Amino acid sequence: MDKRLHSRIAVEPQCKARFQLGGQSYNNITVSNLGADGCCIQVPKQSVSSLNDKTLLEGWELIHPSLPKGTIKAKVVWCHGQEPRTEFIETGIQFMDVPSGYSRDLDKYVTTLAKSNPPSFM
């Protein structure tokens, strides 16, 4: 059961993100799913070894023409894929101190995308 306040929708491969961590810039990071309050990203394991729960990501920015412009703060809330055989670290991100217009625009994008791409069941 999903306990999120805001729904999420798959946005891979069209949505990317960038952020700073420990003085390093990370660009073109794949966003798997997106909601008004956060997302899930796939970070190449060899790129970021210092990700863990509660890591703060500065200068967070979503890269997609239909998404709000500007940078915000984000926080890692969970990480999966730390095993030696995995190539990516799947990471849950929570957006922090987000202007209301930014959240509203994200929610509008997610709702529009969900209406145009209803889930299919096999």
PDB file of N, CA and C in Angstrom:
ATOM      1  N   MET A   1       0.846  -1.180   0.000  1.00  0.00           N
ATOM      2  CA  MET A   1       0.000   0.000   0.000  1.00  0.00           C
ATOM      3  C   MET A   1       0.895   1.248   0.000  1.00  0.00           C
ATOM      4  N   ASP A   2       0.602   2.169  -0.873  1.00  0.00           N
ATOM      5  CA  ASP A   2       1.366   3.408  -0.982  1.00  0.00           C
ATOM      6  C   ASP A   2       0.845   4.409   0.041  1.00  0.00           C
ATOM      7  N   LYS A   3       1.736   4.894   0.920  1.00  0.00           N
ATOM      8  CA  LYS A   3       1.335   5.816   1.978  1.00  0.00           C
ATOM      9  C   LYS A   3       1.705   7.257   1.655  1.00  0.00           C
ATOM     10  N   ARG A   4       2.067   7.538   0.414  1.00  0.00           N
ATOM     11  CA  ARG A   4       2.482   8.890   0.045  1.00  0.00           C
ATOM     12  C   ARG A   4       1.291   9.845   0.016  1.00  0.00           C
ATOM     13  N   LEU A   5       1.567  11.086   0.378  1.00  0.00           N
ATOM     14  CA  LEU A   5       0.559  12.134   0.314  1.00  0.00           C
ATOM     15  C   LEU A   5       0.276  12.516  -1.134  1.00  0.00           C
ATOM     16  N   HIS A   6       1.345  12.558  -1.965  1.00  0.00           N
ATOM     17  CA  HIS A   6       1.221  12.891  -3.378  1.00  0.00           C
ATOM     18  C   HIS A   6       1.556  11.673  -4.220  1.00  0.00           C
ATOM     19  N   SER A   7       0.758  11.439  -5.264  1.00  0.00           N
ATOM     20  CA  SER A   7       1.007  10.283  -6.113  1.00  0.00           C
ATOM     21  C   SER A   7       2.290  10.475  -6.920  1.00  0.00           C
ATOM     22  N   ARG A   8       2.824   9.379  -7.386  1.00  0.00           N
ATOM     23  CA  ARG A   8       4.031   9.377  -8.210  1.00  0.00           C
ATOM     24  C   ARG A   8       3.699   8.725  -9.543  1.00  0.00           C
ATOM     25  N   ILE A   9       4.477   9.097 -10.551  1.00  0.00           N
ATOM     26  CA  ILE A   9       4.305   8.506 -11.867  1.00  0.00           C
ATOM     27  C   ILE A   9       5.677   8.267 -12.489  1.00  0.00           C
ATOM     28  N   ALA A  10       5.786   7.203 -13.260  1.00  0.00           N
ATOM     29  CA  ALA A  10       7.041   6.888 -13.946  1.00  0.00           C
ATOM     30  C   ALA A  10       7.339   7.975 -14.974  1.00  0.00           C
ATOM     31  N   VAL A  11       8.563   8.486 -14.975  1.00  0.00           N
ATOM     32  CA  VAL A  11       8.948   9.549 -15.909  1.00  0.00           C
ATOM     33  C   VAL A  11      10.239   9.213 -16.659  1.00  0.00           C
ATOM     34  N   GLU A  12      10.778   8.029 -16.421  1.00  0.00           N
ATOM     35  CA  GLU A  12      12.001   7.615 -17.096  1.00  0.00           C
ATOM     36  C   GLU A  12      11.680   7.306 -18.550  1.00  0.00           C
ATOM     37  N   PRO A  13      12.426   7.636 -19.524  1.00  0.00           N
ATOM     38  CA  PRO A  13      13.740   8.268 -19.495  1.00  0.00           C
ATOM     39  C   PRO A  13      13.706   9.775 -19.732  1.00  0.00           C
ATOM     40  N   GLN A  14      12.524  10.373 -19.858  1.00  0.00           N
ATOM     41  CA  GLN A  14      12.444  11.780 -20.266  1.00  0.00           C
ATOM     42  C   GLN A  14      12.817  12.799 -19.198  1.00  0.00           C
ATOM     43  N   CYS A  15      12.893  12.415 -17.948  1.00  0.00           N
ATOM     44  CA  CYS A  15      13.191  13.369 -16.881  1.00  0.00           C
ATOM     45  C   CYS A  15      14.531  13.041 -16.235  1.00  0.00           C
ATOM     46  N   LYS A  16      15.336  14.059 -16.052  1.00  0.00           N
ATOM     47  CA  LYS A  16      16.652  13.927 -15.417  1.00  0.00           C
ATOM     48  C   LYS A  16      16.751  14.944 -14.281  1.00  0.00           C
ATOM     49  N   ALA A  17      17.816  14.825 -13.502  1.00  0.00           N
ATOM     50  CA  ALA A  17      18.056  15.764 -12.407  1.00  0.00           C
ATOM     51  C   ALA A  17      19.543  16.064 -12.321  1.00  0.00           C
ATOM     52  N   ARG A  18      19.847  17.151 -11.608  1.00  0.00           N
ATOM     53  CA  ARG A  18      21.233  17.460 -11.273  1.00  0.00           C
ATOM     54  C   ARG A  18      21.249  18.027  -9.858  1.00  0.00           C
ATOM     55  N   PHE A  19      22.395  17.862  -9.199  1.00  0.00           N
ATOM     56  CA  PHE A  19      22.544  18.329  -7.825  1.00  0.00           C
ATOM     57  C   PHE A  19      24.021  18.394  -7.472  1.00  0.00           C
ATOM     58  N   GLN A  20      24.294  18.974  -6.294  1.00  0.00           N
ATOM     59  CA  GLN A  20      25.650  19.019  -5.768  1.00  0.00           C
ATOM     60  C   GLN A  20      25.686  18.231  -4.452  1.00  0.00           C
ATOM     61  N   LEU A  21      26.818  17.540  -4.267  1.00  0.00           N
ATOM     62  CA  LEU A  21      27.030  16.763  -3.057  1.00  0.00           C
ATOM     63  C   LEU A  21      28.525  16.757  -2.760  1.00  0.00           C
ATOM     64  N   GLY A  22      28.884  17.238  -1.592  1.00  0.00           N
ATOM     65  CA  GLY A  22      30.291  17.236  -1.198  1.00  0.00           C
ATOM     66  C   GLY A  22      31.206  17.987  -2.148  1.00  0.00           C
ATOM     67  N   GLY A  23      30.714  19.098  -2.681  1.00  0.00           N
ATOM     68  CA  GLY A  23      31.528  19.905  -3.583  1.00  0.00           C
ATOM     69  C   GLY A  23      31.581  19.383  -5.013  1.00  0.00           C
ATOM     70  N   GLN A  24      30.937  18.269  -5.282  1.00  0.00           N
ATOM     71  CA  GLN A  24      30.887  17.693  -6.631  1.00  0.00           C
ATOM     72  C   GLN A  24      29.522  17.947  -7.260  1.00  0.00           C
ATOM     73  N   SER A  25      29.513  18.138  -8.573  1.00  0.00           N
ATOM     74  CA  SER A  25      28.260  18.286  -9.311  1.00  0.00           C
ATOM     75  C   SER A  25      27.920  16.966  -9.988  1.00  0.00           C
ATOM     76  N   TYR A  26      26.658  16.595  -9.904  1.00  0.00           N
ATOM     77  CA  TYR A  26      26.165  15.382 -10.544  1.00  0.00           C
ATOM     78  C   TYR A  26      25.087  15.801 -11.527  1.00  0.00           C
ATOM     79  N   ASN A  27      25.273  15.431 -12.790  1.00  0.00           N
ATOM     80  CA  ASN A  27      24.377  15.861 -13.861  1.00  0.00           C
ATOM     81  C   ASN A  27      23.785  14.659 -14.585  1.00  0.00           C
ATOM     82  N   ASN A  28      22.653  14.906 -15.224  1.00  0.00           N
ATOM     83  CA  ASN A  28      22.022  13.903 -16.081  1.00  0.00           C
ATOM     84  C   ASN A  28      21.680  12.616 -15.314  1.00  0.00           C
ATOM     85  N   ILE A  29      21.209  12.772 -14.088  1.00  0.00           N
ATOM     86  CA  ILE A  29      20.825  11.643 -13.239  1.00  0.00           C
ATOM     87  C   ILE A  29      19.395  11.242 -13.594  1.00  0.00           C
ATOM     88  N   THR A  30      19.177   9.956 -13.843  1.00  0.00           N
ATOM     89  CA  THR A  30      17.862   9.450 -14.240  1.00  0.00           C
ATOM     90  C   THR A  30      16.864   9.544 -13.091  1.00  0.00           C
ATOM     91  N   VAL A  31      15.695  10.120 -13.383  1.00  0.00           N
ATOM     92  CA  VAL A  31      14.575  10.166 -12.439  1.00  0.00           C
ATOM     93  C   VAL A  31      13.597   9.070 -12.861  1.00  0.00           C
ATOM     94  N   SER A  32      13.379   8.082 -11.985  1.00  0.00           N
ATOM     95  CA  SER A  32      12.494   6.952 -12.298  1.00  0.00           C
ATOM     96  C   SER A  32      11.028   7.316 -12.158  1.00  0.00           C
ATOM     97  N   ASN A  33      10.704   7.939 -11.018  1.00  0.00           N
ATOM     98  CA  ASN A  33       9.326   8.373 -10.796  1.00  0.00           C
ATOM     99  C   ASN A  33       9.347   9.717 -10.103  1.00  0.00           C
ATOM    100  N   LEU A  34       8.221  10.422 -10.216  1.00  0.00           N
ATOM    101  CA  LEU A  34       8.167  11.802  -9.744  1.00  0.00           C
ATOM    102  C   LEU A  34       6.800  12.108  -9.160  1.00  0.00           C
ATOM    103  N   GLY A  35       6.807  12.891  -8.085  1.00  0.00           N
ATOM    104  CA  GLY A  35       5.594  13.395  -7.472  1.00  0.00           C
ATOM    105  C   GLY A  35       5.847  14.816  -7.001  1.00  0.00           C
ATOM    106  N   ALA A  36       4.844  15.462  -6.447  1.00  0.00           N
ATOM    107  CA  ALA A  36       4.979  16.854  -6.013  1.00  0.00           C
ATOM    108  C   ALA A  36       5.913  17.006  -4.815  1.00  0.00           C
ATOM    109  N   ASP A  37       6.152  15.916  -4.085  1.00  0.00           N
ATOM    110  CA  ASP A  37       6.974  16.014  -2.879  1.00  0.00           C
ATOM    111  C   ASP A  37       8.302  15.269  -2.955  1.00  0.00           C
ATOM    112  N   GLY A  38       8.560  14.590  -4.066  1.00  0.00           N
ATOM    113  CA  GLY A  38       9.808  13.849  -4.170  1.00  0.00           C
ATOM    114  C   GLY A  38       9.865  12.986  -5.409  1.00  0.00           C
ATOM    115  N   CYS A  39      10.907  12.162  -5.452  1.00  0.00           N
ATOM    116  CA  CYS A  39      11.098  11.307  -6.618  1.00  0.00           C
ATOM    117  C   CYS A  39      12.023  10.153  -6.253  1.00  0.00           C
ATOM    118  N   CYS A  40      12.251   9.296  -7.220  1.00  0.00           N
ATOM    119  CA  CYS A  40      13.221   8.223  -7.101  1.00  0.00           C
ATOM    120  C   CYS A  40      14.232   8.423  -8.221  1.00  0.00           C
ATOM    121  N   ILE A  41      15.522   8.370  -7.883  1.00  0.00           N
ATOM    122  CA  ILE A  41      16.574   8.531  -8.883  1.00  0.00           C
ATOM    123  C   ILE A  41      17.441   7.281  -8.920  1.00  0.00           C
ATOM    124  N   GLN A  42      18.151   7.120 -10.036  1.00  0.00           N
ATOM    125  CA  GLN A  42      19.090   6.017 -10.193  1.00  0.00           C
ATOM    126  C   GLN A  42      20.472   6.626 -10.374  1.00  0.00           C
ATOM    127  N   VAL A  43      21.299   6.470  -9.360  1.00  0.00           N
ATOM    128  CA  VAL A  43      22.624   7.071  -9.360  1.00  0.00           C
ATOM    129  C   VAL A  43      23.654   5.990  -9.666  1.00  0.00           C
ATOM    130  N   PRO A  44      24.527   6.208 -10.668  1.00  0.00           N
ATOM    131  CA  PRO A  44      25.594   5.230 -10.916  1.00  0.00           C
ATOM    132  C   PRO A  44      26.429   5.040  -9.650  1.00  0.00           C
ATOM    133  N   LYS A  45      26.562   3.810  -9.224  1.00  0.00           N
ATOM    134  CA  LYS A  45      27.221   3.496  -7.959  1.00  0.00           C
ATOM    135  C   LYS A  45      28.642   4.055  -7.874  1.00  0.00           C
ATOM    136  N   GLN A  46      29.388   3.972  -8.971  1.00  0.00           N
ATOM    137  CA  GLN A  46      30.769   4.446  -8.947  1.00  0.00           C
ATOM    138  C   GLN A  46      30.855   5.965  -8.835  1.00  0.00           C
ATOM    139  N   SER A  47      29.767   6.674  -9.131  1.00  0.00           N
ATOM    140  CA  SER A  47      29.773   8.137  -9.079  1.00  0.00           C
ATOM    141  C   SER A  47      29.631   8.684  -7.668  1.00  0.00           C
ATOM    142  N   VAL A  48      28.745   8.079  -6.893  1.00  0.00           N
ATOM    143  CA  VAL A  48      28.414   8.633  -5.577  1.00  0.00           C
ATOM    144  C   VAL A  48      28.509   7.528  -4.530  1.00  0.00           C
ATOM    145  N   SER A  49      29.570   7.571  -3.761  1.00  0.00           N
ATOM    146  CA  SER A  49      29.726   6.559  -2.717  1.00  0.00           C
ATOM    147  C   SER A  49      29.227   7.062  -1.362  1.00  0.00           C
ATOM    148  N   SER A  50      28.954   8.366  -1.252  1.00  0.00           N
ATOM    149  CA  SER A  50      28.585   8.933   0.043  1.00  0.00           C
ATOM    150  C   SER A  50      27.085   9.137   0.227  1.00  0.00           C
ATOM    151  N   LEU A  51      26.256   8.514  -0.600  1.00  0.00           N
ATOM    152  CA  LEU A  51      24.807   8.631  -0.419  1.00  0.00           C
ATOM    153  C   LEU A  51      24.348   7.709   0.701  1.00  0.00           C
ATOM    154  N   ASN A  52      23.560   8.239   1.596  1.00  0.00           N
ATOM    155  CA  ASN A  52      22.900   7.439   2.613  1.00  0.00           C
ATOM    156  C   ASN A  52      21.670   8.208   3.092  1.00  0.00           C
ATOM    157  N   ASP A  53      20.877   7.557   3.933  1.00  0.00           N
ATOM    158  CA  ASP A  53      19.681   8.220   4.453  1.00  0.00           C
ATOM    159  C   ASP A  53      20.057   9.544   5.107  1.00  0.00           C
ATOM    160  N   LYS A  54      19.278  10.562   4.845  1.00  0.00           N
ATOM    161  CA  LYS A  54      19.409  11.913   5.397  1.00  0.00           C
ATOM    162  C   LYS A  54      20.498  12.757   4.744  1.00  0.00           C
ATOM    163  N   THR A  55      21.137  12.258   3.674  1.00  0.00           N
ATOM    164  CA  THR A  55      22.109  13.070   2.949  1.00  0.00           C
ATOM    165  C   THR A  55      21.378  14.247   2.320  1.00  0.00           C
ATOM    166  N   LEU A  56      21.897  15.469   2.483  1.00  0.00           N
ATOM    167  CA  LEU A  56      21.298  16.654   1.877  1.00  0.00           C
ATOM    168  C   LEU A  56      21.930  16.905   0.512  1.00  0.00           C
ATOM    169  N   LEU A  57      21.093  17.166  -0.468  1.00  0.00           N
ATOM    170  CA  LEU A  57      21.538  17.449  -1.822  1.00  0.00           C
ATOM    171  C   LEU A  57      21.263  18.917  -2.108  1.00  0.00           C
ATOM    172  N   GLU A  58      22.295  19.670  -2.361  1.00  0.00           N
ATOM    173  CA  GLU A  58      22.166  21.101  -2.634  1.00  0.00           C
ATOM    174  C   GLU A  58      21.946  21.333  -4.127  1.00  0.00           C
ATOM    175  N   GLY A  59      21.318  22.445  -4.459  1.00  0.00           N
ATOM    176  CA  GLY A  59      21.152  22.839  -5.852  1.00  0.00           C
ATOM    177  C   GLY A  59      20.388  21.838  -6.686  1.00  0.00           C
ATOM    178  N   TRP A  60      19.445  21.130  -6.066  1.00  0.00           N
ATOM    179  CA  TRP A  60      18.647  20.128  -6.786  1.00  0.00           C
ATOM    180  C   TRP A  60      17.856  20.820  -7.884  1.00  0.00           C
ATOM    181  N   GLU A  61      17.907  20.256  -9.084  1.00  0.00           N
ATOM    182  CA  GLU A  61      17.171  20.812 -10.217  1.00  0.00           C
ATOM    183  C   GLU A  61      16.679  19.689 -11.108  1.00  0.00           C
ATOM    184  N   LEU A  62      15.405  19.753 -11.450  1.00  0.00           N
ATOM    185  CA  LEU A  62      14.834  18.799 -12.409  1.00  0.00           C
ATOM    186  C   LEU A  62      15.085  19.315 -13.816  1.00  0.00           C
ATOM    187  N   ILE A  63      15.432  18.408 -14.717  1.00  0.00           N
ATOM    188  CA  ILE A  63      15.749  18.785 -16.092  1.00  0.00           C
ATOM    189  C   ILE A  63      14.701  18.193 -17.022  1.00  0.00           C
ATOM    190  N   HIS A  64      13.765  19.033 -17.419  1.00  0.00           N
ATOM    191  CA  HIS A  64      12.715  18.662 -18.364  1.00  0.00           C
ATOM    192  C   HIS A  64      11.978  19.946 -18.720  1.00  0.00           C
ATOM    193  N   PRO A  65      11.672  20.161 -19.993  1.00  0.00           N
ATOM    194  CA  PRO A  65      11.056  21.440 -20.384  1.00  0.00           C
ATOM    195  C   PRO A  65       9.690  21.726 -19.752  1.00  0.00           C
ATOM    196  N   SER A  66       8.970  20.692 -19.342  1.00  0.00           N
ATOM    197  CA  SER A  66       7.640  20.903 -18.752  1.00  0.00           C
ATOM    198  C   SER A  66       7.659  21.043 -17.237  1.00  0.00           C
ATOM    199  N   LEU A  67       8.818  20.955 -16.634  1.00  0.00           N
ATOM    200  CA  LEU A  67       8.910  21.024 -15.175  1.00  0.00           C
ATOM    201  C   LEU A  67       9.384  22.392 -14.728  1.00  0.00           C
ATOM    202  N   PRO A  68       9.061  22.766 -13.469  1.00  0.00           N
ATOM    203  CA  PRO A  68       9.447  24.089 -12.971  1.00  0.00           C
ATOM    204  C   PRO A  68      10.965  24.284 -13.005  1.00  0.00           C
ATOM    205  N   LYS A  69      11.363  25.498 -13.282  1.00  0.00           N
ATOM    206  CA  LYS A  69      12.783  25.858 -13.286  1.00  0.00           C
ATOM    207  C   LYS A  69      13.178  26.329 -11.899  1.00  0.00           C
ATOM    208  N   GLY A  70      14.449  26.229 -11.596  1.00  0.00           N
ATOM    209  CA  GLY A  70      14.949  26.689 -10.310  1.00  0.00           C
ATOM    210  C   GLY A  70      15.516  25.552  -9.499  1.00  0.00           C
ATOM    211  N   THR A  71      16.313  25.926  -8.505  1.00  0.00           N
ATOM    212  CA  THR A  71      16.934  24.929  -7.650  1.00  0.00           C
ATOM    213  C   THR A  71      16.285  24.930  -6.274  1.00  0.00           C
ATOM    214  N   ILE A  72      16.265  23.757  -5.672  1.00  0.00           N
ATOM    215  CA  ILE A  72      15.722  23.573  -4.328  1.00  0.00           C
ATOM    216  C   ILE A  72      16.680  22.681  -3.545  1.00  0.00           C
ATOM    217  N   LYS A  73      16.385  22.461  -2.286  1.00  0.00           N
ATOM    218  CA  LYS A  73      17.115  21.488  -1.481  1.00  0.00           C
ATOM    219  C   LYS A  73      16.339  20.176  -1.513  1.00  0.00           C
ATOM    220  N   ALA A  74      17.081  19.092  -1.420  1.00  0.00           N
ATOM    221  CA  ALA A  74      16.459  17.771  -1.392  1.00  0.00           C
ATOM    222  C   ALA A  74      17.202  16.906  -0.382  1.00  0.00           C
ATOM    223  N   LYS A  75      16.506  15.896   0.115  1.00  0.00           N
ATOM    224  CA  LYS A  75      17.093  15.006   1.116  1.00  0.00           C
ATOM    225  C   LYS A  75      16.888  13.563   0.684  1.00  0.00           C
ATOM    226  N   VAL A  76      17.922  12.758   0.843  1.00  0.00           N
ATOM    227  CA  VAL A  76      17.820  11.326   0.597  1.00  0.00           C
ATOM    228  C   VAL A  76      17.036  10.719   1.755  1.00  0.00           C
ATOM    229  N   VAL A  77      16.017   9.920   1.434  1.00  0.00           N
ATOM    230  CA  VAL A  77      15.236   9.270   2.484  1.00  0.00           C
ATOM    231  C   VAL A  77      15.441   7.756   2.505  1.00  0.00           C
ATOM    232  N   TRP A  78      15.939   7.191   1.419  1.00  0.00           N
ATOM    233  CA  TRP A  78      16.303   5.770   1.403  1.00  0.00           C
ATOM    234  C   TRP A  78      17.206   5.483   0.207  1.00  0.00           C
ATOM    235  N   CYS A  79      17.999   4.427   0.327  1.00  0.00           N
ATOM    236  CA  CYS A  79      18.888   3.962  -0.746  1.00  0.00           C
ATOM    237  C   CYS A  79      18.785   2.444  -0.841  1.00  0.00           C
ATOM    238  N   HIS A  80      18.766   1.922  -2.067  1.00  0.00           N
ATOM    239  CA  HIS A  80      18.796   0.477  -2.324  1.00  0.00           C
ATOM    240  C   HIS A  80      19.856   0.221  -3.379  1.00  0.00           C
ATOM    241  N   GLY A  81      20.437  -0.951  -3.340  1.00  0.00           N
ATOM    242  CA  GLY A  81      21.407  -1.321  -4.365  1.00  0.00           C
ATOM    243  C   GLY A  81      22.840  -1.144  -3.931  1.00  0.00           C
ATOM    244  N   GLN A  82      23.088  -1.270  -2.657  1.00  0.00           N
ATOM    245  CA  GLN A  82      24.447  -1.130  -2.152  1.00  0.00           C
ATOM    246  C   GLN A  82      25.265  -2.416  -2.327  1.00  0.00           C
ATOM    247  N   GLU A  83      24.631  -3.512  -2.767  1.00  0.00           N
ATOM    248  CA  GLU A  83      25.334  -4.779  -2.930  1.00  0.00           C
ATOM    249  C   GLU A  83      26.409  -4.634  -4.006  1.00  0.00           C
ATOM    250  N   PRO A  84      27.480  -5.393  -3.893  1.00  0.00           N
ATOM    251  CA  PRO A  84      28.591  -5.274  -4.861  1.00  0.00           C
ATOM    252  C   PRO A  84      28.193  -5.506  -6.316  1.00  0.00           C
ATOM    253  N   ARG A  85      27.188  -6.327  -6.572  1.00  0.00           N
ATOM    254  CA  ARG A  85      26.849  -6.671  -7.957  1.00  0.00           C
ATOM    255  C   ARG A  85      25.928  -5.656  -8.647  1.00  0.00           C
ATOM    256  N   THR A  86      25.436  -4.656  -7.925  1.00  0.00           N
ATOM    257  CA  THR A  86      24.536  -3.685  -8.536  1.00  0.00           C
ATOM    258  C   THR A  86      25.318  -2.523  -9.146  1.00  0.00           C
ATOM    259  N   GLU A  87      24.816  -2.024 -10.270  1.00  0.00           N
ATOM    260  CA  GLU A  87      25.466  -0.933 -10.987  1.00  0.00           C
ATOM    261  C   GLU A  87      24.951   0.440 -10.542  1.00  0.00           C
ATOM    262  N   PHE A  88      23.692   0.480 -10.097  1.00  0.00           N
ATOM    263  CA  PHE A  88      23.060   1.739  -9.705  1.00  0.00           C
ATOM    264  C   PHE A  88      22.582   1.679  -8.263  1.00  0.00           C
ATOM    265  N   ILE A  89      22.527   2.834  -7.647  1.00  0.00           N
ATOM    266  CA  ILE A  89      21.922   2.964  -6.323  1.00  0.00           C
ATOM    267  C   ILE A  89      20.572   3.630  -6.541  1.00  0.00           C
ATOM    268  N   GLU A  90      19.503   2.903  -6.292  1.00  0.00           N
ATOM    269  CA  GLU A  90      18.156   3.459  -6.379  1.00  0.00           C
ATOM    270  C   GLU A  90      17.936   4.274  -5.110  1.00  0.00           C
ATOM    271  N   THR A  91      17.532   5.531  -5.272  1.00  0.00           N
ATOM    272  CA  THR A  91      17.522   6.462  -4.149  1.00  0.00           C
ATOM    273  C   THR A  91      16.223   7.251  -4.095  1.00  0.00           C
ATOM    274  N   GLY A  92      15.574   7.234  -2.934  1.00  0.00           N
ATOM    275  CA  GLY A  92      14.362   8.018  -2.715  1.00  0.00           C
ATOM    276  C   GLY A  92      14.718   9.416  -2.251  1.00  0.00           C
ATOM    277  N   ILE A  93      14.129  10.409  -2.898  1.00  0.00           N
ATOM    278  CA  ILE A  93      14.428  11.809  -2.631  1.00  0.00           C
ATOM    279  C   ILE A  93      13.171  12.522  -2.139  1.00  0.00           C
ATOM    280  N   GLN A  94      13.324  13.319  -1.100  1.00  0.00           N
ATOM    281  CA  GLN A  94      12.239  14.174  -0.605  1.00  0.00           C
ATOM    282  C   GLN A  94      12.633  15.617  -0.868  1.00  0.00           C
ATOM    283  N   PHE A  95      11.743  16.384  -1.497  1.00  0.00           N
ATOM    284  CA  PHE A  95      12.004  17.791  -1.747  1.00  0.00           C
ATOM    285  C   PHE A  95      11.761  18.580  -0.467  1.00  0.00           C
ATOM    286  N   MET A  96      12.634  19.563  -0.199  1.00  0.00           N
ATOM    287  CA  MET A  96      12.549  20.335   1.038  1.00  0.00           C
ATOM    288  C   MET A  96      12.437  21.823   0.740  1.00  0.00           C
ATOM    289  N   ASP A  97      11.734  22.540   1.602  1.00  0.00           N
ATOM    290  CA  ASP A  97      11.611  23.995   1.480  1.00  0.00           C
ATOM    291  C   ASP A  97      11.229  24.417   0.065  1.00  0.00           C
ATOM    292  N   VAL A  98      10.235  23.745  -0.481  1.00  0.00           N
ATOM    293  CA  VAL A  98       9.823  23.979  -1.859  1.00  0.00           C
ATOM    294  C   VAL A  98       8.784  25.088  -1.917  1.00  0.00           C
ATOM    295  N   PRO A  99       8.977  26.080  -2.783  1.00  0.00           N
ATOM    296  CA  PRO A  99       7.954  27.115  -2.950  1.00  0.00           C
ATOM    297  C   PRO A  99       6.628  26.485  -3.397  1.00  0.00           C
ATOM    298  N   SER A 100       5.506  27.019  -2.936  1.00  0.00           N
ATOM    299  CA  SER A 100       4.203  26.419  -3.253  1.00  0.00           C
ATOM    300  C   SER A 100       3.960  26.332  -4.756  1.00  0.00           C
ATOM    301  N   GLY A 101       4.397  27.314  -5.509  1.00  0.00           N
ATOM    302  CA  GLY A 101       4.211  27.270  -6.959  1.00  0.00           C
ATOM    303  C   GLY A 101       4.969  26.124  -7.602  1.00  0.00           C
ATOM    304  N   TYR A 102       6.124  25.807  -7.071  1.00  0.00           N
ATOM    305  CA  TYR A 102       6.945  24.701  -7.582  1.00  0.00           C
ATOM    306  C   TYR A 102       6.211  23.378  -7.376  1.00  0.00           C
ATOM    307  N   SER A 103       5.704  23.156  -6.156  1.00  0.00           N
ATOM    308  CA  SER A 103       4.952  21.926  -5.861  1.00  0.00           C
ATOM    309  C   SER A 103       3.689  21.835  -6.702  1.00  0.00           C
ATOM    310  N   ARG A 104       3.010  22.957  -6.846  1.00  0.00           N
ATOM    311  CA  ARG A 104       1.785  22.977  -7.643  1.00  0.00           C
ATOM    312  C   ARG A 104       2.078  22.607  -9.095  1.00  0.00           C
ATOM    313  N   ASP A 105       3.154  23.159  -9.656  1.00  0.00           N
ATOM    314  CA  ASP A 105       3.525  22.846 -11.041  1.00  0.00           C
ATOM    315  C   ASP A 105       3.923  21.380 -11.203  1.00  0.00           C
ATOM    316  N   LEU A 106       4.634  20.837 -10.217  1.00  0.00           N
ATOM    317  CA  LEU A 106       4.989  19.417 -10.266  1.00  0.00           C
ATOM    318  C   LEU A 106       3.739  18.542 -10.222  1.00  0.00           C
ATOM    319  N   ASP A 107       2.818  18.876  -9.307  1.00  0.00           N
ATOM    320  CA  ASP A 107       1.590  18.103  -9.181  1.00  0.00           C
ATOM    321  C   ASP A 107       0.771  18.165 -10.467  1.00  0.00           C
ATOM    322  N   LYS A 108       0.713  19.333 -11.076  1.00  0.00           N
ATOM    323  CA  LYS A 108      -0.014  19.500 -12.334  1.00  0.00           C
ATOM    324  C   LYS A 108       0.622  18.631 -13.434  1.00  0.00           C
ATOM    325  N   TYR A 109       1.953  18.618 -13.506  1.00  0.00           N
ATOM    326  CA  TYR A 109       2.647  17.809 -14.504  1.00  0.00           C
ATOM    327  C   TYR A 109       2.368  16.317 -14.294  1.00  0.00           C
ATOM    328  N   VAL A 110       2.464  15.866 -13.041  1.00  0.00           N
ATOM    329  CA  VAL A 110       2.230  14.453 -12.724  1.00  0.00           C
ATOM    330  C   VAL A 110       0.792  14.066 -13.061  1.00  0.00           C
ATOM    331  N   THR A 111      -0.167  14.910 -12.713  1.00  0.00           N
ATOM    332  CA  THR A 111      -1.578  14.633 -12.999  1.00  0.00           C
ATOM    333  C   THR A 111      -1.829  14.568 -14.502  1.00  0.00           C
ATOM    334  N   THR A 112      -1.278  15.509 -15.249  1.00  0.00           N
ATOM    335  CA  THR A 112      -1.438  15.526 -16.710  1.00  0.00           C
ATOM    336  C   THR A 112      -0.819  14.289 -17.340  1.00  0.00           C
ATOM    337  N   LEU A 113       0.369  13.928 -16.896  1.00  0.00           N
ATOM    338  CA  LEU A 113       1.045  12.758 -17.433  1.00  0.00           C
ATOM    339  C   LEU A 113       0.278  11.477 -17.108  1.00  0.00           C
ATOM    340  N   ALA A 114      -0.268  11.401 -15.898  1.00  0.00           N
ATOM    341  CA  ALA A 114      -1.035  10.222 -15.501  1.00  0.00           C
ATOM    342  C   ALA A 114      -2.294  10.068 -16.351  1.00  0.00           C
ATOM    343  N   LYS A 115      -2.934  11.175 -16.687  1.00  0.00           N
ATOM    344  CA  LYS A 115      -4.142  11.110 -17.515  1.00  0.00           C
ATOM    345  C   LYS A 115      -3.829  10.680 -18.941  1.00  0.00           C
ATOM    346  N   SER A 116      -2.671  11.082 -19.455  1.00  0.00           N
ATOM    347  CA  SER A 116      -2.325  10.740 -20.830  1.00  0.00           C
ATOM    348  C   SER A 116      -1.657   9.367 -20.952  1.00  0.00           C
ATOM    349  N   ASN A 117      -1.206   8.805 -19.830  1.00  0.00           N
ATOM    350  CA  ASN A 117      -0.567   7.497 -19.831  1.00  0.00           C
ATOM    351  C   ASN A 117      -1.132   6.618 -18.721  1.00  0.00           C
ATOM    352  N   PRO A 118      -2.403   6.196 -18.852  1.00  0.00           N
ATOM    353  CA  PRO A 118      -2.987   5.368 -17.793  1.00  0.00           C
ATOM    354  C   PRO A 118      -2.222   4.048 -17.688  1.00  0.00           C
ATOM    355  N   PRO A 119      -2.158   3.464 -16.494  1.00  0.00           N
ATOM    356  CA  PRO A 119      -1.449   2.199 -16.330  1.00  0.00           C
ATOM    357  C   PRO A 119      -2.100   1.089 -17.151  1.00  0.00           C
ATOM    358  N   SER A 120      -1.292   0.204 -17.673  1.00  0.00           N
ATOM    359  CA  SER A 120      -1.832  -0.927 -18.415  1.00  0.00           C
ATOM    360  C   SER A 120      -1.621  -2.183 -17.578  1.00  0.00           C
ATOM    361  N   PHE A 121      -2.562  -3.069 -17.647  1.00  0.00           N
ATOM    362  CA  PHE A 121      -2.502  -4.313 -16.891  1.00  0.00           C
ATOM    363  C   PHE A 121      -2.469  -5.467 -17.864  1.00  0.00           C
ATOM    364  N   MET A 122      -1.625  -6.434 -17.577  1.00  0.00           N
ATOM    365  CA  MET A 122      -1.500  -7.591 -18.469  1.00  0.00           C
ATOM    366  C   MET A 122      -2.185  -8.794 -17.860  1.00  0.00           C
TER     367      MET A 122
END
